[in-house]
Amino acid sequence: MRFLLYNIRYATGHGHSFHFPFPWAGYLRHSHSVLEQILAFINTVQPDIMGLVEVDGGSFRTKKLCQAEVIAREFGFYHVIETKYGSGSMVKRLPLLKTQGNAVLTRMPIVSHRFHYFDEGVKRLVIQVCTEKLTIFLVHLSLTYRNRQYQLERLYKLIREVDRPVILAGDFNALWGMRELELFLGATKLISANPERKPSFPSRAPKRELDFILHSPELRVTNFQIPPITFSDHAPLICDFDFC
């Protein structure tokens, strides 16, 4: 089973051109050409499950097309997508930001799914997807250390209710590195698929380990890699699992 985690930055690109002619200008451009590159990359990876962070659900950048639906249709995947902000957030009233979300896509049928929301932070969404044999959680944690710790506490409570193998993945924004997660990993018994702590951000010259794939002991990692792909500011994570 191959898992791909990728913060695709709404397929808005990366590098110097992203900030031309003014800072963050890339967020205002159409995303079709970069999405085509991402689709070609995914085709080479042939994942069974994808956790995609920062997905455009249908703004002017995509000509109202949902990027998760485009990717799912291309590869024949089942998918769920949701806006990453809480239902009462003012952000959901803004035309561009209200379509910004996260998505889980899988070759296997989705038996059930739920959307949970943290009480802290701006990015509050937790996607929970259940297949026949596996539960996947996808997150995009807060940039604020204190909020991340509250969010990890909430994740612990969600994970302890699951009675099957678990993958927890996402952009954790762990600016202090793995040491932020030590207590969480000890409490949940989850294991990092990246024991060498290879960095994934920024993609052109990775220095920080912000993206994580964590798994329960019932899963065994047979391969892990972070390919040097620069279609986003984050590099993708690829992990192969077997059931123990």
Protein backbone atom coordinates (compact mmCIF):
# COMPACT_ATOMS: atom_id res chain seq x y z
CA MET A 1 0.00 0.00 0.00
CA ARG A 2 1.48 3.32 -1.06
CA PHE A 3 0.60 6.57 0.72
CA LEU A 4 1.34 9.97 -0.81
CA LEU A 5 1.24 13.08 1.38
CA TYR A 6 1.56 16.36 -0.46
CA ASN A 7 0.88 19.97 0.48
CA ILE A 8 0.21 21.21 -3.07
CA ARG A 9 -0.29 24.90 -2.17
CA TYR A 10 -3.47 25.04 -4.29
CA ALA A 11 -1.25 24.30 -7.35
CA THR A 12 -0.13 27.93 -7.34
CA GLY A 13 3.54 27.08 -7.80
CA HIS A 14 6.74 28.02 -6.04
CA GLY A 15 9.97 29.95 -6.49
CA HIS A 16 10.77 33.49 -7.51
CA SER A 17 7.95 33.65 -10.06
CA PHE A 18 5.43 33.03 -7.27
CA HIS A 19 6.29 36.46 -5.82
CA PHE A 20 6.33 38.35 -9.12
CA PRO A 21 5.33 41.14 -9.65
CA PHE A 22 4.56 41.47 -5.90
CA PRO A 23 4.80 39.19 -2.82
CA TRP A 24 2.41 36.19 -2.84
CA ALA A 25 1.14 37.10 -6.33
CA GLY A 26 1.05 33.41 -7.20
CA TYR A 27 -2.06 32.93 -5.08
CA LEU A 28 -3.97 35.10 -7.56
CA ARG A 29 -3.02 33.22 -10.74
CA HIS A 30 -4.80 30.39 -12.51
CA SER A 31 -3.50 27.03 -11.33
CA HIS A 32 -4.15 24.79 -14.36
CA SER A 33 -0.55 24.47 -15.60
CA VAL A 34 0.89 23.56 -12.19
CA LEU A 35 -1.96 21.12 -11.51
CA GLU A 36 -1.12 19.37 -14.79
CA GLN A 37 2.45 18.94 -13.55
CA ILE A 38 1.20 17.58 -10.24
CA LEU A 39 -1.07 15.12 -12.05
CA ALA A 40 1.88 13.90 -14.11
CA PHE A 41 3.92 13.44 -10.94
CA ILE A 42 1.13 11.50 -9.20
CA ASN A 43 0.91 9.24 -12.24
CA THR A 44 4.57 8.29 -11.78
CA VAL A 45 4.02 7.54 -8.07
CA GLN A 46 0.89 5.39 -8.48
CA PRO A 47 -0.31 5.82 -4.87
CA ASP A 48 -3.14 3.87 -3.28
CA ILE A 49 -4.03 6.68 -0.85
CA MET A 50 -3.37 10.40 -1.07
CA GLY A 51 -3.52 13.02 1.64
CA LEU A 52 -3.53 16.40 -0.08
CA VAL A 53 -3.13 19.58 1.96
CA GLU A 54 -4.03 23.03 0.59
CA VAL A 55 -6.45 21.99 -2.15
CA ASP A 56 -8.63 24.49 -4.00
CA GLY A 57 -12.27 23.44 -3.86
CA GLY A 58 -13.31 25.68 -6.76
CA SER A 59 -12.25 29.34 -6.91
CA PHE A 60 -11.43 31.65 -9.82
CA ARG A 61 -7.92 30.11 -9.79
CA THR A 62 -9.40 26.82 -11.02
CA LYS A 63 -12.28 28.27 -13.07
CA LYS A 64 -14.59 26.92 -10.34
CA LEU A 65 -13.32 23.34 -10.70
CA CYS A 66 -12.53 21.39 -7.53
CA GLN A 67 -8.92 20.22 -7.68
CA ALA A 68 -9.68 17.11 -5.59
CA GLU A 69 -12.44 16.11 -8.02
CA VAL A 70 -10.12 16.66 -10.99
CA ILE A 71 -7.43 14.45 -9.45
CA ALA A 72 -9.91 11.78 -8.33
CA ARG A 73 -11.47 11.63 -11.78
CA GLU A 74 -8.05 11.38 -13.44
CA PHE A 75 -7.07 8.31 -11.41
CA GLY A 76 -10.44 6.76 -10.65
CA PHE A 77 -10.21 7.43 -6.90
CA TYR A 78 -12.83 7.93 -4.23
CA HIS A 79 -12.39 11.23 -2.42
CA VAL A 80 -13.55 13.61 0.29
CA ILE A 81 -12.70 17.31 0.52
CA GLU A 82 -13.67 20.02 2.99
CA THR A 83 -12.79 23.63 3.74
CA LYS A 84 -10.12 23.72 6.44
CA TYR A 85 -11.64 26.56 8.44
CA GLY A 86 -14.25 26.14 11.17
CA SER A 87 -17.92 26.62 10.34
CA GLY A 88 -18.12 29.86 12.33
CA SER A 89 -14.90 31.31 10.98
CA MET A 90 -14.96 34.71 9.30
CA VAL A 91 -12.51 33.29 6.77
CA LYS A 92 -15.29 31.17 5.26
CA ARG A 93 -17.01 34.37 4.14
CA LEU A 94 -14.10 35.49 1.98
CA PRO A 95 -14.46 34.55 -1.71
CA LEU A 96 -11.01 33.02 -2.25
CA LEU A 97 -10.28 31.58 1.17
CA LYS A 98 -13.62 29.82 1.59
CA THR A 99 -12.69 27.26 -1.09
CA GLN A 100 -9.34 26.38 0.48
CA GLY A 101 -9.37 22.91 1.98
CA ASN A 102 -7.76 19.51 2.39
CA ALA A 103 -8.64 16.20 0.75
CA VAL A 104 -8.20 12.45 1.11
CA LEU A 105 -8.29 10.29 -2.02
CA THR A 106 -8.13 6.50 -2.13
CA ARG A 107 -8.37 3.60 -4.57
CA MET A 108 -10.33 1.62 -1.96
CA PRO A 109 -13.98 2.44 -1.33
CA ILE A 110 -14.56 4.89 1.51
CA VAL A 111 -16.75 3.15 4.08
CA SER A 112 -17.34 6.31 6.12
CA HIS A 113 -15.89 9.74 6.77
CA ARG A 114 -16.21 12.53 9.32
CA PHE A 115 -15.04 16.11 9.59
CA HIS A 116 -13.82 17.19 13.01
CA TYR A 117 -12.81 20.72 13.96
CA PHE A 118 -10.28 21.94 16.49
CA ASP A 119 -11.34 24.65 18.93
CA GLU A 120 -8.07 26.56 18.41
CA GLY A 121 -6.29 28.07 15.43
CA VAL A 122 -7.43 29.29 12.04
CA LYS A 123 -6.92 26.00 10.18
CA ARG A 124 -9.17 23.69 12.20
CA LEU A 125 -10.18 20.78 9.98
CA VAL A 126 -9.46 17.13 10.75
CA ILE A 127 -10.56 14.73 8.01
CA GLN A 128 -11.25 11.17 9.17
CA VAL A 129 -11.69 8.57 6.43
CA CYS A 130 -12.36 4.88 7.02
CA THR A 131 -11.72 2.17 4.44
CA GLU A 132 -12.39 -1.49 5.11
CA LYS A 133 -9.07 -2.06 6.89
CA LEU A 134 -7.70 1.37 7.71
CA THR A 135 -8.52 4.76 9.25
CA ILE A 136 -6.80 7.86 7.87
CA PHE A 137 -6.64 11.24 9.60
CA LEU A 138 -5.45 14.27 7.62
CA VAL A 139 -4.57 17.57 9.30
CA HIS A 140 -3.01 20.99 8.73
CA LEU A 141 -1.96 22.23 12.15
CA SER A 142 -1.63 25.77 13.47
CA LEU A 143 1.42 27.99 13.00
CA THR A 144 1.20 28.85 16.71
CA TYR A 145 3.00 26.46 19.08
CA ARG A 146 0.42 26.66 21.87
CA ASN A 147 -2.45 26.00 19.45
CA ARG A 148 -0.59 23.03 17.96
CA GLN A 149 -0.28 21.49 21.41
CA TYR A 150 -4.01 21.87 22.02
CA GLN A 151 -4.68 20.39 18.60
CA LEU A 152 -2.45 17.39 19.33
CA GLU A 153 -4.39 16.81 22.54
CA ARG A 154 -7.61 16.70 20.52
CA LEU A 155 -6.03 14.33 18.00
CA TYR A 156 -5.02 11.99 20.81
CA LYS A 157 -8.66 11.76 21.92
CA LEU A 158 -9.80 11.02 18.35
CA ILE A 159 -7.17 8.38 17.73
CA ARG A 160 -7.76 6.47 20.96
CA GLU A 161 -11.37 5.85 19.83
CA VAL A 162 -10.24 3.98 16.70
CA ASP A 163 -10.07 0.17 16.77
CA ARG A 164 -8.18 -0.45 13.52
CA PRO A 165 -4.79 0.51 12.03
CA VAL A 166 -4.33 4.28 11.75
CA ILE A 167 -2.41 6.67 9.55
CA LEU A 168 -2.21 10.27 10.75
CA ALA A 169 -0.66 12.56 8.16
CA GLY A 170 -0.45 16.21 7.26
CA ASP A 171 1.41 19.47 7.46
CA PHE A 172 2.08 19.72 11.18
CA ASN A 173 3.90 23.08 11.00
CA ALA A 174 6.18 21.67 13.68
CA LEU A 175 8.62 24.56 13.66
CA TRP A 176 10.52 23.06 16.61
CA GLY A 177 10.84 19.69 14.88
CA MET A 178 10.09 16.20 16.12
CA ARG A 179 10.55 17.14 19.77
CA GLU A 180 7.14 18.83 19.62
CA LEU A 181 5.61 15.40 19.02
CA GLU A 182 7.45 13.25 21.56
CA LEU A 183 4.71 13.24 24.21
CA PHE A 184 2.00 12.80 21.58
CA LEU A 185 3.77 9.81 20.02
CA GLY A 186 4.31 8.27 23.43
CA ALA A 187 0.62 8.60 24.31
CA THR A 188 -0.77 7.38 20.99
CA LYS A 189 1.91 4.73 20.26
CA LEU A 190 2.08 6.09 16.72
CA ILE A 191 5.37 5.79 14.85
CA SER A 192 6.92 8.20 12.37
CA ALA A 193 7.44 6.76 8.90
CA ASN A 194 10.45 9.09 8.65
CA PRO A 195 12.83 7.95 11.42
CA GLU A 196 15.77 9.72 9.76
CA ARG A 197 13.84 13.01 10.07
CA LYS A 198 14.36 13.98 6.45
CA PRO A 199 13.15 17.57 5.83
CA SER A 200 10.47 18.49 3.30
CA PHE A 201 10.36 22.30 3.48
CA PRO A 202 11.13 24.38 1.53
CA SER A 203 11.06 22.05 -1.44
CA ARG A 204 13.96 23.65 -3.35
CA ALA A 205 16.38 23.22 -0.43
CA PRO A 206 14.63 21.36 2.41
CA LYS A 207 15.69 22.29 5.92
CA ARG A 208 12.62 21.67 8.10
CA GLU A 209 10.56 18.59 8.85
CA LEU A 210 7.06 20.06 8.75
CA ASP A 211 5.19 17.21 7.03
CA PHE A 212 4.58 13.91 8.81
CA ILE A 213 3.19 10.47 8.15
CA LEU A 214 2.55 8.71 11.46
CA HIS A 215 1.23 5.16 11.70
CA SER A 216 0.09 2.63 14.27
CA PRO A 217 2.26 -0.45 15.08
CA GLU A 218 -0.02 -2.70 13.00
CA LEU A 219 1.56 -1.17 9.89
CA ARG A 220 5.14 -1.78 8.77
CA VAL A 221 7.00 0.71 6.58
CA THR A 222 8.83 -0.91 3.66
CA ASN A 223 9.89 2.27 1.85
CA PHE A 224 9.97 5.99 2.56
CA GLN A 225 11.17 8.80 0.34
CA ILE A 226 10.91 12.55 -0.17
CA PRO A 227 11.49 13.15 -3.88
CA PRO A 228 12.98 16.49 -5.00
CA ILE A 229 9.74 17.78 -6.53
CA THR A 230 9.26 21.57 -6.56
CA PHE A 231 5.73 22.16 -7.81
CA SER A 232 4.86 23.49 -4.32
CA ASP A 233 6.77 25.03 -1.43
CA HIS A 234 6.54 21.60 0.27
CA ALA A 235 8.10 18.43 -1.13
CA PRO A 236 5.88 15.31 -1.25
CA LEU A 237 6.26 12.33 1.08
CA ILE A 238 5.89 8.80 -0.29
CA CYS A 239 5.52 5.83 2.05
CA ASP A 240 4.91 2.14 1.36
CA PHE A 241 3.19 0.11 4.11
CA ASP A 242 2.41 -3.53 4.77
CA PHE A 243 -0.07 -4.81 7.34
CA CYS A 244 1.79 -6.71 10.07
